[in-house]
Amino acid sequence: MPVVRCSSKKKLAELLGTDRAKLIALTKDLTYRVFTRRANGKERVIEEPRGELRRVHDRLLALLSRIEPPSYLHSGVKRRSYISNAKQHAGRGRILKTDVSRF
């Protein structure tokens, strides 16, 4: 996968269909259309990239979508959820869930 093996800003820019200077400029001048959308009774702020930034986002999405997620990954994968994750672990005995943030 070209994106995974990308080792420089120049190569990344080439993969994204732009040049290094434009890619760096995009990180400094982020152009988004910000709006609010209501769904299921909740408001959600949307930040939609515009212009060249949108084109780069679309190209990156196309490249990353070629990567097949591993079978154990459930979050953020279509047709997988916390339910499919639980089914994969069903009948395997007890588990312990712990919070190690203060460890």
Protein backbone atom coordinates (compact mmCIF):
# COMPACT_ATOMS: atom_id res chain seq x y z
CA MET A 1 0.00 0.00 0.00
CA PRO A 2 1.65 3.23 -1.15
CA VAL A 3 0.31 5.42 1.71
CA VAL A 4 1.56 3.05 4.40
CA ARG A 5 5.06 2.93 2.93
CA CYS A 6 5.22 6.68 2.26
CA SER A 7 8.43 8.01 3.82
CA SER A 8 8.55 11.69 2.86
CA LYS A 9 6.36 14.75 2.39
CA LYS A 10 7.34 14.84 -1.27
CA LYS A 11 6.17 11.26 -1.87
CA LEU A 12 2.98 11.90 0.10
CA ALA A 13 2.26 14.98 -2.00
CA GLU A 14 2.76 12.95 -5.19
CA LEU A 15 0.37 10.24 -3.94
CA LEU A 16 -2.22 12.91 -3.16
CA GLY A 17 -1.87 14.51 -6.57
CA THR A 18 -0.25 17.76 -5.49
CA ASP A 19 3.23 19.08 -4.75
CA ARG A 20 5.05 19.44 -1.44
CA ALA A 21 4.68 23.24 -1.23
CA LYS A 22 0.91 23.08 -1.80
CA LEU A 23 0.55 20.27 0.71
CA ILE A 24 2.40 22.27 3.37
CA ALA A 25 0.37 25.40 2.49
CA LEU A 26 -2.86 23.42 2.96
CA THR A 27 -1.86 22.63 6.55
CA LYS A 28 -1.54 26.35 7.29
CA ASP A 29 -4.60 27.61 5.40
CA LEU A 30 -7.33 25.12 6.23
CA THR A 31 -10.49 26.03 4.35
CA TYR A 32 -13.65 24.51 5.76
CA ARG A 33 -17.36 25.26 5.44
CA VAL A 34 -18.70 24.95 8.99
CA PHE A 35 -22.40 24.27 9.52
CA THR A 36 -24.74 22.48 11.88
CA ARG A 37 -26.89 19.49 10.96
CA ARG A 38 -29.69 18.07 13.09
CA ALA A 39 -30.18 14.30 13.13
CA ASN A 40 -32.03 12.09 15.60
CA GLY A 41 -32.81 15.12 17.76
CA LYS A 42 -29.14 16.04 18.16
CA GLU A 43 -27.17 18.83 16.57
CA ARG A 44 -23.84 18.00 14.99
CA VAL A 45 -21.23 20.48 13.80
CA ILE A 46 -19.93 19.61 10.33
CA GLU A 47 -16.59 20.89 9.05
CA GLU A 48 -16.53 20.25 5.31
CA PRO A 49 -13.19 20.80 3.53
CA ARG A 50 -13.31 23.04 0.47
CA GLY A 51 -11.33 23.53 -2.70
CA GLU A 52 -7.90 21.90 -2.93
CA LEU A 53 -8.20 20.56 0.63
CA ARG A 54 -11.39 18.67 -0.34
CA ARG A 55 -9.64 17.15 -3.34
CA VAL A 56 -6.74 15.99 -1.13
CA HIS A 57 -9.19 14.56 1.44
CA ASP A 58 -11.03 12.66 -1.30
CA ARG A 59 -7.78 11.23 -2.70
CA LEU A 60 -6.63 10.17 0.78
CA LEU A 61 -9.99 8.49 1.41
CA ALA A 62 -9.68 6.59 -1.87
CA LEU A 63 -6.20 5.37 -0.93
CA LEU A 64 -7.06 4.41 2.65
CA SER A 65 -10.27 2.63 1.65
CA ARG A 66 -8.15 0.08 -0.24
CA ILE A 67 -6.78 -1.23 3.06
CA GLU A 68 -8.68 -4.30 4.25
CA PRO A 69 -9.33 -3.99 8.01
CA PRO A 70 -8.30 -7.00 10.10
CA SER A 71 -11.06 -9.35 11.27
CA TYR A 72 -10.61 -8.36 14.91
CA LEU A 73 -11.32 -4.67 14.23
CA HIS A 74 -14.97 -3.69 14.74
CA SER A 75 -15.08 0.06 15.42
CA GLY A 76 -15.46 2.28 12.38
CA VAL A 77 -15.94 -0.63 9.97
CA LYS A 78 -19.15 -0.98 7.96
CA ARG A 79 -21.33 -3.94 8.96
CA ARG A 80 -19.36 -4.36 12.20
CA SER A 81 -20.36 -3.02 15.61
CA TYR A 82 -20.17 -3.59 19.33
CA ILE A 83 -22.70 -6.39 18.71
CA SER A 84 -20.49 -8.21 16.20
CA ASN A 85 -17.58 -7.69 18.60
CA ALA A 86 -19.55 -9.25 21.47
CA LYS A 87 -20.60 -12.20 19.28
CA GLN A 88 -16.96 -12.87 18.45
CA HIS A 89 -16.19 -13.16 22.19
CA ALA A 90 -19.33 -15.07 23.23
CA GLY A 91 -18.74 -18.40 24.94
CA ARG A 92 -15.06 -17.78 25.59
CA GLY A 93 -15.29 -17.59 29.36
CA ARG A 94 -14.94 -14.64 31.67
CA ILE A 95 -13.11 -11.45 30.93
CA LEU A 96 -11.89 -8.59 33.07
CA LYS A 97 -12.31 -5.00 31.99
CA THR A 98 -10.21 -2.46 33.82
CA ASP A 99 -9.30 1.21 33.52
CA VAL A 100 -5.56 1.77 33.59
CA SER A 101 -5.61 5.55 33.08
CA ARG A 102 -4.33 6.15 36.66
CA PHE A 103 -1.91 3.24 36.66
